PDB file of N, CA and C in Angstrom:
ATOM      1  N   UNK A   1     -72.450 -37.201  17.897  1.00  0.00           N
ATOM      2  CA  UNK A   1     -73.489 -37.280  16.838  1.00  0.00           C
ATOM      3  C   UNK A   1     -72.856 -37.313  15.442  1.00  0.00           C
ATOM      4  N   UNK A   2     -71.807 -36.511  15.256  1.00  0.00           N
ATOM      5  CA  UNK A   2     -71.158 -36.456  13.923  1.00  0.00           C
ATOM      6  C   UNK A   2     -70.514 -37.793  13.618  1.00  0.00           C
ATOM      7  N   UNK A   3     -69.914 -38.441  14.624  1.00  0.00           N
ATOM      8  CA  UNK A   3     -69.289 -39.728  14.416  1.00  0.00           C
ATOM      9  C   UNK A   3     -70.368 -40.781  14.059  1.00  0.00           C
ATOM     10  N   UNK A   4     -71.522 -40.708  14.737  1.00  0.00           N
ATOM     11  CA  UNK A   4     -72.609 -41.637  14.434  1.00  0.00           C
ATOM     12  C   UNK A   4     -73.101 -41.424  13.014  1.00  0.00           C
ATOM     13  N   UNK A   5     -73.154 -40.203  12.580  1.00  0.00           N
ATOM     14  CA  UNK A   5     -73.585 -39.864  11.208  1.00  0.00           C
ATOM     15  C   UNK A   5     -72.598 -40.443  10.209  1.00  0.00           C
ATOM     16  N   UNK A   6     -71.316 -40.243  10.444  1.00  0.00           N
ATOM     17  CA  UNK A   6     -70.249 -40.763   9.566  1.00  0.00           C
ATOM     18  C   UNK A   6     -70.328 -42.254   9.480  1.00  0.00           C
ATOM     19  N   UNK A   7     -70.497 -42.921  10.651  1.00  0.00           N
ATOM     20  CA  UNK A   7     -70.555 -44.384  10.634  1.00  0.00           C
ATOM     21  C   UNK A   7     -71.770 -44.914   9.930  1.00  0.00           C
ATOM     22  N   UNK A   8     -72.898 -44.209  10.089  1.00  0.00           N
ATOM     23  CA  UNK A   8     -74.130 -44.621   9.405  1.00  0.00           C
ATOM     24  C   UNK A   8     -73.970 -44.471   7.887  1.00  0.00           C
ATOM     25  N   UNK A   9     -73.312 -43.362   7.432  1.00  0.00           N
ATOM     26  CA  UNK A   9     -73.099 -43.152   5.998  1.00  0.00           C
ATOM     27  C   UNK A   9     -72.186 -44.239   5.427  1.00  0.00           C
ATOM     28  N   UNK A  10     -71.129 -44.556   6.188  1.00  0.00           N
ATOM     29  CA  UNK A  10     -70.158 -45.575   5.742  1.00  0.00           C
ATOM     30  C   UNK A  10     -70.891 -46.960   5.623  1.00  0.00           C
ATOM     31  N   UNK A  11     -71.736 -47.246   6.617  1.00  0.00           N
ATOM     32  CA  UNK A  11     -72.458 -48.506   6.626  1.00  0.00           C
ATOM     33  C   UNK A  11     -73.417 -48.573   5.432  1.00  0.00           C
ATOM     34  N   UNK A  12     -74.059 -47.463   5.100  1.00  0.00           N
ATOM     35  CA  UNK A  12     -74.960 -47.429   3.938  1.00  0.00           C
ATOM     36  C   UNK A  12     -74.182 -47.691   2.646  1.00  0.00           C
ATOM     37  N   UNK A  13     -72.993 -47.076   2.533  1.00  0.00           N
ATOM     38  CA  UNK A  13     -72.205 -47.263   1.323  1.00  0.00           C
ATOM     39  C   UNK A  13     -71.754 -48.685   1.178  1.00  0.00           C
ATOM     40  N   UNK A  14     -71.563 -49.413   2.273  1.00  0.00           N
ATOM     41  CA  UNK A  14     -71.030 -50.756   2.223  1.00  0.00           C
ATOM     42  C   UNK A  14     -72.145 -51.847   2.174  1.00  0.00           C
ATOM     43  N   UNK A  15     -73.383 -51.435   2.399  1.00  0.00           N
ATOM     44  CA  UNK A  15     -74.484 -52.390   2.413  1.00  0.00           C
ATOM     45  C   UNK A  15     -75.180 -52.454   1.031  1.00  0.00           C
ATOM     46  N   UNK A  16     -75.404 -53.676   0.535  1.00  0.00           N
ATOM     47  CA  UNK A  16     -76.116 -53.862  -0.701  1.00  0.00           C
ATOM     48  C   UNK A  16     -77.478 -54.411  -0.489  1.00  0.00           C
ATOM     49  N   UNK A  17     -78.434 -53.934  -1.217  1.00  0.00           N
ATOM     50  CA  UNK A  17     -79.820 -54.502  -1.230  1.00  0.00           C
ATOM     51  C   UNK A  17     -80.089 -54.950  -2.624  1.00  0.00           C
ATOM     52  N   UNK A  18     -81.071 -55.864  -2.769  1.00  0.00           N
ATOM     53  CA  UNK A  18     -81.377 -56.453  -4.052  1.00  0.00           C
ATOM     54  C   UNK A  18     -82.836 -56.217  -4.390  1.00  0.00           C
ATOM     55  N   UNK A  19     -83.039 -55.898  -5.641  1.00  0.00           N
ATOM     56  CA  UNK A  19     -84.412 -55.777  -6.165  1.00  0.00           C
ATOM     57  C   UNK A  19     -84.552 -56.726  -7.327  1.00  0.00           C
ATOM     58  N   UNK A  20     -85.738 -57.248  -7.513  1.00  0.00           N
ATOM     59  CA  UNK A  20     -85.991 -58.226  -8.589  1.00  0.00           C
ATOM     60  C   UNK A  20     -87.230 -57.849  -9.376  1.00  0.00           C
ATOM     61  N   UNK A  21     -87.336 -58.399 -10.551  1.00  0.00           N
ATOM     62  CA  UNK A  21     -88.525 -58.208 -11.383  1.00  0.00           C
ATOM     63  C   UNK A  21     -88.675 -59.428 -12.269  1.00  0.00           C
ATOM     64  N   UNK A  22     -89.884 -59.670 -12.725  1.00  0.00           N
ATOM     65  CA  UNK A  22     -90.149 -60.773 -13.636  1.00  0.00           C
ATOM     66  C   UNK A  22     -89.896 -62.127 -12.987  1.00  0.00           C
ATOM     67  N   UNK A  23     -90.247 -62.196 -11.696  1.00  0.00           N
ATOM     68  CA  UNK A  23     -90.063 -63.476 -10.997  1.00  0.00           C
ATOM     69  C   UNK A  23     -88.605 -63.862 -10.857  1.00  0.00           C
ATOM     70  N   UNK A  24     -87.720 -62.892 -10.793  1.00  0.00           N
ATOM     71  CA  UNK A  24     -86.321 -63.139 -10.632  1.00  0.00           C
ATOM     72  C   UNK A  24     -85.497 -63.156 -11.978  1.00  0.00           C
ATOM     73  N   UNK A  25     -86.178 -62.866 -13.091  1.00  0.00           N
ATOM     74  CA  UNK A  25     -85.457 -62.846 -14.354  1.00  0.00           C
ATOM     75  C   UNK A  25     -84.431 -61.690 -14.402  1.00  0.00           C
ATOM     76  N   UNK A  26     -84.745 -60.558 -13.696  1.00  0.00           N
ATOM     77  CA  UNK A  26     -83.821 -59.442 -13.621  1.00  0.00           C
ATOM     78  C   UNK A  26     -83.575 -59.131 -12.155  1.00  0.00           C
ATOM     79  N   UNK A  27     -82.322 -59.017 -11.804  1.00  0.00           N
ATOM     80  CA  UNK A  27     -81.929 -58.666 -10.444  1.00  0.00           C
ATOM     81  C   UNK A  27     -81.021 -57.425 -10.473  1.00  0.00           C
ATOM     82  N   UNK A  28     -81.363 -56.439  -9.654  1.00  0.00           N
ATOM     83  CA  UNK A  28     -80.572 -55.243  -9.531  1.00  0.00           C
ATOM     84  C   UNK A  28     -80.024 -55.163  -8.119  1.00  0.00           C
ATOM     85  N   UNK A  29     -78.732 -54.816  -7.973  1.00  0.00           N
ATOM     86  CA  UNK A  29     -78.130 -54.617  -6.689  1.00  0.00           C
ATOM     87  C   UNK A  29     -77.854 -53.121  -6.530  1.00  0.00           C
ATOM     88  N   UNK A  30     -78.209 -52.552  -5.394  1.00  0.00           N
ATOM     89  CA  UNK A  30     -78.065 -51.147  -5.109  1.00  0.00           C
ATOM     90  C   UNK A  30     -77.425 -51.047  -3.696  1.00  0.00           C
ATOM     91  N   UNK A  31     -76.488 -50.080  -3.555  1.00  0.00           N
ATOM     92  CA  UNK A  31     -75.959 -49.899  -2.192  1.00  0.00           C
ATOM     93  C   UNK A  31     -76.917 -49.077  -1.392  1.00  0.00           C
ATOM     94  N   UNK A  32     -76.687 -48.933  -0.109  1.00  0.00           N
ATOM     95  CA  UNK A  32     -77.552 -48.207   0.771  1.00  0.00           C
ATOM     96  C   UNK A  32     -77.693 -46.743   0.473  1.00  0.00           C
ATOM     97  N   UNK A  33     -76.828 -46.232  -0.434  1.00  0.00           N
ATOM     98  CA  UNK A  33     -76.904 -44.823  -0.816  1.00  0.00           C
ATOM     99  C   UNK A  33     -77.710 -44.685  -2.137  1.00  0.00           C
ATOM    100  N   UNK A  34     -78.210 -45.783  -2.641  1.00  0.00           N
ATOM    101  CA  UNK A  34     -79.036 -45.739  -3.834  1.00  0.00           C
ATOM    102  C   UNK A  34     -78.279 -45.879  -5.136  1.00  0.00           C
ATOM    103  N   UNK A  35     -76.975 -46.186  -5.115  1.00  0.00           N
ATOM    104  CA  UNK A  35     -76.213 -46.343  -6.318  1.00  0.00           C
ATOM    105  C   UNK A  35     -76.316 -47.794  -6.824  1.00  0.00           C
ATOM    106  N   UNK A  36     -76.629 -47.938  -8.113  1.00  0.00           N
ATOM    107  CA  UNK A  36     -76.698 -49.256  -8.690  1.00  0.00           C
ATOM    108  C   UNK A  36     -75.305 -49.871  -8.766  1.00  0.00           C
ATOM    109  N   UNK A  37     -75.136 -51.019  -8.195  1.00  0.00           N
ATOM    110  CA  UNK A  37     -73.799 -51.686  -8.140  1.00  0.00           C
ATOM    111  C   UNK A  37     -73.769 -52.944  -8.965  1.00  0.00           C
ATOM    112  N   UNK A  38     -74.867 -53.462  -9.415  1.00  0.00           N
ATOM    113  CA  UNK A  38     -74.914 -54.656 -10.196  1.00  0.00           C
ATOM    114  C   UNK A  38     -76.214 -54.887 -10.817  1.00  0.00           C
ATOM    115  N   UNK A  39     -76.237 -55.628 -11.937  1.00  0.00           N
ATOM    116  CA  UNK A  39     -77.443 -55.933 -12.676  1.00  0.00           C
ATOM    117  C   UNK A  39     -77.251 -57.289 -13.340  1.00  0.00           C
ATOM    118  N   UNK A  40     -78.210 -58.169 -13.175  1.00  0.00           N
ATOM    119  CA  UNK A  40     -78.123 -59.457 -13.899  1.00  0.00           C
ATOM    120  C   UNK A  40     -79.466 -59.754 -14.584  1.00  0.00           C
ATOM    121  N   UNK A  41     -79.339 -60.312 -15.773  1.00  0.00           N
ATOM    122  CA  UNK A  41     -80.493 -60.650 -16.581  1.00  0.00           C
ATOM    123  C   UNK A  41     -80.394 -62.149 -16.930  1.00  0.00           C
ATOM    124  N   UNK A  42     -81.376 -62.879 -16.521  1.00  0.00           N
ATOM    125  CA  UNK A  42     -81.431 -64.317 -16.771  1.00  0.00           C
ATOM    126  C   UNK A  42     -81.643 -64.502 -18.278  1.00  0.00           C
ATOM    127  N   UNK A  43     -80.865 -65.399 -18.918  1.00  0.00           N
ATOM    128  CA  UNK A  43     -81.032 -65.643 -20.355  1.00  0.00           C
ATOM    129  C   UNK A  43     -82.478 -66.040 -20.748  1.00  0.00           C
ATOM    130  N   UNK A  44     -83.229 -66.577 -19.800  1.00  0.00           N
ATOM    131  CA  UNK A  44     -84.581 -66.948 -20.084  1.00  0.00           C
ATOM    132  C   UNK A  44     -85.478 -65.728 -20.419  1.00  0.00           C
ATOM    133  N   UNK A  45     -84.996 -64.531 -20.093  1.00  0.00           N
ATOM    134  CA  UNK A  45     -85.725 -63.324 -20.394  1.00  0.00           C
ATOM    135  C   UNK A  45     -85.618 -62.931 -21.878  1.00  0.00           C
ATOM    136  N   UNK A  46     -84.716 -63.586 -22.584  1.00  0.00           N
ATOM    137  CA  UNK A  46     -84.467 -63.250 -23.995  1.00  0.00           C
ATOM    138  C   UNK A  46     -85.232 -64.189 -24.920  1.00  0.00           C
ATOM    139  N   UNK A  47     -86.057 -63.620 -25.778  1.00  0.00           N
ATOM    140  CA  UNK A  47     -86.784 -64.366 -26.799  1.00  0.00           C
ATOM    141  C   UNK A  47     -86.171 -64.045 -28.122  1.00  0.00           C
ATOM    142  N   UNK A  48     -85.382 -64.946 -28.646  1.00  0.00           N
ATOM    143  CA  UNK A  48     -84.644 -64.708 -29.905  1.00  0.00           C
ATOM    144  C   UNK A  48     -85.597 -64.621 -31.105  1.00  0.00           C
ATOM    145  N   UNK A  49     -86.839 -65.080 -30.980  1.00  0.00           N
ATOM    146  CA  UNK A  49     -87.799 -64.977 -32.080  1.00  0.00           C
ATOM    147  C   UNK A  49     -88.361 -63.616 -32.231  1.00  0.00           C
ATOM    148  N   UNK A  50     -88.274 -62.763 -31.178  1.00  0.00           N
ATOM    149  CA  UNK A  50     -88.882 -61.422 -31.230  1.00  0.00           C
ATOM    150  C   UNK A  50     -87.965 -60.457 -30.494  1.00  0.00           C
ATOM    151  N   UNK A  51     -86.830 -60.051 -31.135  1.00  0.00           N
ATOM    152  CA  UNK A  51     -85.869 -59.195 -30.485  1.00  0.00           C
ATOM    153  C   UNK A  51     -86.434 -57.793 -30.080  1.00  0.00           C
ATOM    154  N   UNK A  52     -87.291 -57.255 -30.847  1.00  0.00           N
ATOM    155  CA  UNK A  52     -87.833 -55.914 -30.528  1.00  0.00           C
ATOM    156  C   UNK A  52     -88.683 -55.982 -29.244  1.00  0.00           C
ATOM    157  N   UNK A  53     -89.534 -56.961 -29.191  1.00  0.00           N
ATOM    158  CA  UNK A  53     -90.408 -57.118 -27.997  1.00  0.00           C
ATOM    159  C   UNK A  53     -89.550 -57.476 -26.776  1.00  0.00           C
ATOM    160  N   UNK A  54     -88.568 -58.343 -27.006  1.00  0.00           N
ATOM    161  CA  UNK A  54     -87.673 -58.743 -25.922  1.00  0.00           C
ATOM    162  C   UNK A  54     -86.945 -57.538 -25.362  1.00  0.00           C
ATOM    163  N   UNK A  55     -86.434 -56.653 -26.234  1.00  0.00           N
ATOM    164  CA  UNK A  55     -85.709 -55.501 -25.769  1.00  0.00           C
ATOM    165  C   UNK A  55     -86.603 -54.571 -24.915  1.00  0.00           C
ATOM    166  N   UNK A  56     -87.838 -54.418 -25.353  1.00  0.00           N
ATOM    167  CA  UNK A  56     -88.772 -53.580 -24.594  1.00  0.00           C
ATOM    168  C   UNK A  56     -89.095 -54.236 -23.217  1.00  0.00           C
ATOM    169  N   UNK A  57     -89.350 -55.554 -23.224  1.00  0.00           N
ATOM    170  CA  UNK A  57     -89.657 -56.277 -22.016  1.00  0.00           C
ATOM    171  C   UNK A  57     -88.495 -56.237 -21.048  1.00  0.00           C
ATOM    172  N   UNK A  58     -87.281 -56.491 -21.542  1.00  0.00           N
ATOM    173  CA  UNK A  58     -86.115 -56.480 -20.679  1.00  0.00           C
ATOM    174  C   UNK A  58     -85.879 -55.082 -20.077  1.00  0.00           C
ATOM    175  N   UNK A  59     -86.083 -54.042 -20.891  1.00  0.00           N
ATOM    176  CA  UNK A  59     -85.940 -52.686 -20.386  1.00  0.00           C
ATOM    177  C   UNK A  59     -86.942 -52.445 -19.261  1.00  0.00           C
ATOM    178  N   UNK A  60     -88.157 -52.855 -19.446  1.00  0.00           N
ATOM    179  CA  UNK A  60     -89.162 -52.700 -18.394  1.00  0.00           C
ATOM    180  C   UNK A  60     -88.822 -53.461 -17.109  1.00  0.00           C
ATOM    181  N   UNK A  61     -88.302 -54.669 -17.290  1.00  0.00           N
ATOM    182  CA  UNK A  61     -87.869 -55.500 -16.147  1.00  0.00           C
ATOM    183  C   UNK A  61     -86.703 -54.866 -15.395  1.00  0.00           C
ATOM    184  N   UNK A  62     -85.762 -54.321 -16.158  1.00  0.00           N
ATOM    185  CA  UNK A  62     -84.594 -53.660 -15.565  1.00  0.00           C
ATOM    186  C   UNK A  62     -85.051 -52.492 -14.720  1.00  0.00           C
ATOM    187  N   UNK A  63     -85.924 -51.643 -15.286  1.00  0.00           N
ATOM    188  CA  UNK A  63     -86.446 -50.504 -14.531  1.00  0.00           C
ATOM    189  C   UNK A  63     -87.194 -50.944 -13.282  1.00  0.00           C
ATOM    190  N   UNK A  64     -87.993 -52.000 -13.397  1.00  0.00           N
ATOM    191  CA  UNK A  64     -88.736 -52.493 -12.225  1.00  0.00           C
ATOM    192  C   UNK A  64     -87.826 -52.993 -11.139  1.00  0.00           C
ATOM    193  N   UNK A  65     -86.775 -53.735 -11.548  1.00  0.00           N
ATOM    194  CA  UNK A  65     -85.831 -54.258 -10.581  1.00  0.00           C
ATOM    195  C   UNK A  65     -85.024 -53.153  -9.878  1.00  0.00           C
ATOM    196  N   UNK A  66     -84.653 -52.139 -10.623  1.00  0.00           N
ATOM    197  CA  UNK A  66     -83.941 -50.985 -10.038  1.00  0.00           C
ATOM    198  C   UNK A  66     -84.843 -50.237  -9.085  1.00  0.00           C
ATOM    199  N   UNK A  67     -86.127 -50.058  -9.475  1.00  0.00           N
ATOM    200  CA  UNK A  67     -87.028 -49.389  -8.575  1.00  0.00           C
ATOM    201  C   UNK A  67     -87.264 -50.180  -7.320  1.00  0.00           C
ATOM    202  N   UNK A  68     -87.324 -51.517  -7.422  1.00  0.00           N
ATOM    203  CA  UNK A  68     -87.499 -52.367  -6.260  1.00  0.00           C
ATOM    204  C   UNK A  68     -86.280 -52.262  -5.324  1.00  0.00           C
ATOM    205  N   UNK A  69     -85.107 -52.267  -5.907  1.00  0.00           N
ATOM    206  CA  UNK A  69     -83.913 -52.144  -5.096  1.00  0.00           C
ATOM    207  C   UNK A  69     -83.805 -50.750  -4.492  1.00  0.00           C
ATOM    208  N   UNK A  70     -84.202 -49.715  -5.208  1.00  0.00           N
ATOM    209  CA  UNK A  70     -84.131 -48.345  -4.719  1.00  0.00           C
ATOM    210  C   UNK A  70     -85.089 -48.200  -3.515  1.00  0.00           C
ATOM    211  N   UNK A  71     -86.229 -48.872  -3.595  1.00  0.00           N
ATOM    212  CA  UNK A  71     -87.192 -48.825  -2.488  1.00  0.00           C
ATOM    213  C   UNK A  71     -86.560 -49.461  -1.238  1.00  0.00           C
ATOM    214  N   UNK A  72     -85.898 -50.571  -1.447  1.00  0.00           N
ATOM    215  CA  UNK A  72     -85.208 -51.263  -0.333  1.00  0.00           C
ATOM    216  C   UNK A  72     -84.084 -50.350   0.224  1.00  0.00           C
ATOM    217  N   UNK A  73     -83.353 -49.672  -0.669  1.00  0.00           N
ATOM    218  CA  UNK A  73     -82.280 -48.761  -0.188  1.00  0.00           C
ATOM    219  C   UNK A  73     -82.898 -47.619   0.584  1.00  0.00           C
ATOM    220  N   UNK A  74     -84.019 -47.105   0.155  1.00  0.00           N
ATOM    221  CA  UNK A  74     -84.689 -45.996   0.876  1.00  0.00           C
ATOM    222  C   UNK A  74     -85.084 -46.426   2.256  1.00  0.00           C
ATOM    223  N   UNK A  75     -85.626 -47.635   2.343  1.00  0.00           N
ATOM    224  CA  UNK A  75     -86.044 -48.152   3.663  1.00  0.00           C
ATOM    225  C   UNK A  75     -84.798 -48.300   4.562  1.00  0.00           C
ATOM    226  N   UNK A  76     -83.695 -48.777   4.004  1.00  0.00           N
ATOM    227  CA  UNK A  76     -82.453 -48.912   4.731  1.00  0.00           C
ATOM    228  C   UNK A  76     -81.955 -47.523   5.204  1.00  0.00           C
ATOM    229  N   UNK A  77     -82.022 -46.531   4.308  1.00  0.00           N
ATOM    230  CA  UNK A  77     -81.624 -45.166   4.654  1.00  0.00           C
ATOM    231  C   UNK A  77     -82.431 -44.640   5.845  1.00  0.00           C
ATOM    232  N   UNK A  78     -83.710 -44.848   5.773  1.00  0.00           N
ATOM    233  CA  UNK A  78     -84.588 -44.373   6.874  1.00  0.00           C
ATOM    234  C   UNK A  78     -84.285 -45.072   8.151  1.00  0.00           C
ATOM    235  N   UNK A  79     -84.016 -46.374   8.067  1.00  0.00           N
ATOM    236  CA  UNK A  79     -83.679 -47.131   9.247  1.00  0.00           C
ATOM    237  C   UNK A  79     -82.371 -46.640   9.899  1.00  0.00           C
ATOM    238  N   UNK A  80     -81.385 -46.385   9.069  1.00  0.00           N
ATOM    239  CA  UNK A  80     -80.043 -46.019   9.585  1.00  0.00           C
ATOM    240  C   UNK A  80     -79.920 -44.534   9.870  1.00  0.00           C
ATOM    241  N   UNK A  81     -80.497 -43.713   8.997  1.00  0.00           N
ATOM    242  CA  UNK A  81     -80.280 -42.281   9.077  1.00  0.00           C
ATOM    243  C   UNK A  81     -81.400 -41.511   9.719  1.00  0.00           C
ATOM    244  N   UNK A  82     -82.618 -42.081   9.676  1.00  0.00           N
ATOM    245  CA  UNK A  82     -83.787 -41.366  10.205  1.00  0.00           C
ATOM    246  C   UNK A  82     -83.600 -40.811  11.571  1.00  0.00           C
ATOM    247  N   UNK A  83     -83.205 -41.645  12.545  1.00  0.00           N
ATOM    248  CA  UNK A  83     -83.040 -41.128  13.906  1.00  0.00           C
ATOM    249  C   UNK A  83     -81.953 -40.073  14.004  1.00  0.00           C
ATOM    250  N   UNK A  84     -80.903 -40.197  13.219  1.00  0.00           N
ATOM    251  CA  UNK A  84     -79.841 -39.186  13.254  1.00  0.00           C
ATOM    252  C   UNK A  84     -80.325 -37.893  12.641  1.00  0.00           C
ATOM    253  N   UNK A  85     -81.033 -38.004  11.529  1.00  0.00           N
ATOM    254  CA  UNK A  85     -81.529 -36.790  10.844  1.00  0.00           C
ATOM    255  C   UNK A  85     -82.531 -36.039  11.722  1.00  0.00           C
ATOM    256  N   UNK A  86     -83.369 -36.774  12.442  1.00  0.00           N
ATOM    257  CA  UNK A  86     -84.319 -36.112  13.343  1.00  0.00           C
ATOM    258  C   UNK A  86     -83.576 -35.419  14.483  1.00  0.00           C
ATOM    259  N   UNK A  87     -82.475 -35.993  14.931  1.00  0.00           N
ATOM    260  CA  UNK A  87     -81.680 -35.371  15.973  1.00  0.00           C
ATOM    261  C   UNK A  87     -81.013 -34.140  15.508  1.00  0.00           C
ATOM    262  N   UNK A  88     -80.880 -33.947  14.220  1.00  0.00           N
ATOM    263  CA  UNK A  88     -80.258 -32.748  13.662  1.00  0.00           C
ATOM    264  C   UNK A  88     -81.296 -31.794  13.056  1.00  0.00           C
ATOM    265  N   UNK A  89     -82.500 -31.839  13.594  1.00  0.00           N
ATOM    266  CA  UNK A  89     -83.565 -30.958  13.110  1.00  0.00           C
ATOM    267  C   UNK A  89     -84.105 -31.363  11.753  1.00  0.00           C
ATOM    268  N   UNK A  90     -84.274 -32.657  11.524  1.00  0.00           N
ATOM    269  CA  UNK A  90     -84.850 -33.113  10.291  1.00  0.00           C
ATOM    270  C   UNK A  90     -83.874 -33.189   9.145  1.00  0.00           C
ATOM    271  N   UNK A  91     -82.566 -33.033   9.455  1.00  0.00           N
ATOM    272  CA  UNK A  91     -81.570 -33.155   8.387  1.00  0.00           C
ATOM    273  C   UNK A  91     -81.221 -31.823   7.761  1.00  0.00           C
ATOM    274  N   UNK A  92     -81.749 -30.748   8.300  1.00  0.00           N
ATOM    275  CA  UNK A  92     -81.526 -29.441   7.714  1.00  0.00           C
ATOM    276  C   UNK A  92     -80.096 -28.985   7.726  1.00  0.00           C
ATOM    277  N   UNK A  93     -79.295 -29.382   8.722  1.00  0.00           N
ATOM    278  CA  UNK A  93     -77.957 -28.911   8.825  1.00  0.00           C
ATOM    279  C   UNK A  93     -76.958 -29.882   8.183  1.00  0.00           C
ATOM    280  N   UNK A  94     -77.394 -30.867   7.404  1.00  0.00           N
ATOM    281  CA  UNK A  94     -76.492 -31.842   6.849  1.00  0.00           C
ATOM    282  C   UNK A  94     -76.177 -31.439   5.405  1.00  0.00           C
ATOM    283  N   UNK A  95     -74.862 -31.172   5.135  1.00  0.00           N
ATOM    284  CA  UNK A  95     -74.477 -30.800   3.771  1.00  0.00           C
ATOM    285  C   UNK A  95     -74.885 -31.840   2.766  1.00  0.00           C
ATOM    286  N   UNK A  96     -75.550 -31.420   1.699  1.00  0.00           N
ATOM    287  CA  UNK A  96     -75.967 -32.325   0.668  1.00  0.00           C
ATOM    288  C   UNK A  96     -77.296 -33.040   1.012  1.00  0.00           C
ATOM    289  N   UNK A  97     -77.713 -33.027   2.211  1.00  0.00           N
ATOM    290  CA  UNK A  97     -78.963 -33.678   2.632  1.00  0.00           C
ATOM    291  C   UNK A  97     -78.855 -35.177   2.428  1.00  0.00           C
ATOM    292  N   UNK A  98     -79.994 -35.849   2.534  1.00  0.00           N
ATOM    293  CA  UNK A  98     -80.049 -37.295   2.316  1.00  0.00           C
ATOM    294  C   UNK A  98     -81.157 -37.548   1.282  1.00  0.00           C
ATOM    295  N   UNK A  99     -80.765 -37.775   0.025  1.00  0.00           N
ATOM    296  CA  UNK A  99     -81.779 -38.040  -1.023  1.00  0.00           C
ATOM    297  C   UNK A  99     -82.598 -39.251  -0.606  1.00  0.00           C
ATOM    298  N   UNK A 100     -83.886 -39.129  -0.780  1.00  0.00           N
ATOM    299  CA  UNK A 100     -84.795 -40.230  -0.496  1.00  0.00           C
ATOM    300  C   UNK A 100     -85.246 -40.361   0.947  1.00  0.00           C
ATOM    301  N   UNK A 101     -84.736 -39.495   1.782  1.00  0.00           N
ATOM    302  CA  UNK A 101     -85.100 -39.622   3.221  1.00  0.00           C
ATOM    303  C   UNK A 101     -86.376 -38.859   3.537  1.00  0.00           C
ATOM    304  N   UNK A 102     -86.798 -37.981   2.671  1.00  0.00           N
ATOM    305  CA  UNK A 102     -87.941 -37.105   2.946  1.00  0.00           C
ATOM    306  C   UNK A 102     -89.219 -37.823   3.218  1.00  0.00           C
ATOM    307  N   UNK A 103     -89.992 -38.064   2.223  1.00  0.00           N
ATOM    308  CA  UNK A 103     -91.304 -38.635   2.468  1.00  0.00           C
ATOM    309  C   UNK A 103     -91.423 -40.009   1.911  1.00  0.00           C
ATOM    310  N   UNK A 104     -92.210 -40.812   2.564  1.00  0.00           N
ATOM    311  CA  UNK A 104     -92.441 -42.160   2.053  1.00  0.00           C
ATOM    312  C   UNK A 104     -93.917 -42.401   1.993  1.00  0.00           C
TER     313      UNK A 104
END
């Protein structure tokens, strides 16, 4: 069981999921552990005529893309770790626990 847990954690760390916002104007990449590993912003998201509004819009799009990717990472965590955590009494004996595995 411990080896399965280790392998699942390693697989999560190596797997990337993608979240998008604004019809693909902003893309966030997150690994299966929920760590942001990349972010791209399409130049079309930038309106040079209104920098203040653009900054606010881009910030909102970045947050939305990160949230989308985090949701994907949480689903991946539950897929990979859920059965193992249940086998260990709901994850109670796992040092550090599994952030995001609780309720959906």
